[in-house]
């Protein structure tokens, strides 16, 4: 398991001080109902929102709030999180109950949630600077492309 964690840490360019925290952020409630990533996901969602909001305001200082809000929604939604989780191949590292291992559709949501938990864990284990560095590393190209605002049906 430690080798598995080392591989992930090299991929994300962050070394955890607490391997227990790293394991927890990778653990779905179907694997362990008591010790899982739900609270870290909650926190990671807020950290992601803070970092993306801050960087959108820096990138678009003269843009109206409504336009920035739409850009924001495109950058922090579950689809974007699942996309980045797939880039990181997070499914390979996750601890899932047997019912979830085979269901690809649910795994997309679960892997996106796990990515948010990973962000929360980096924040708790390190600090906001470490979490922001991780986020910007994977969202930077999307932030640069946010000149084009794509509105999905949920965002309208």
Foldseek 3Di string as FASTA:
>chain_A
DVVLVVVLCVLLVHDFPDVLLVQQLQEDCQQPVPRHLPVLLVQLLVLLLVLLLVVLCVVCVPDDPLLSVLLSCVQRDLQNLLVLLVVSVSLVVHRHHPVPNPDPVVVSSVSSSSSSSVLSSLCVRPNSVRSSVSSCVRCVVSSVVSVDRDGDPVRD
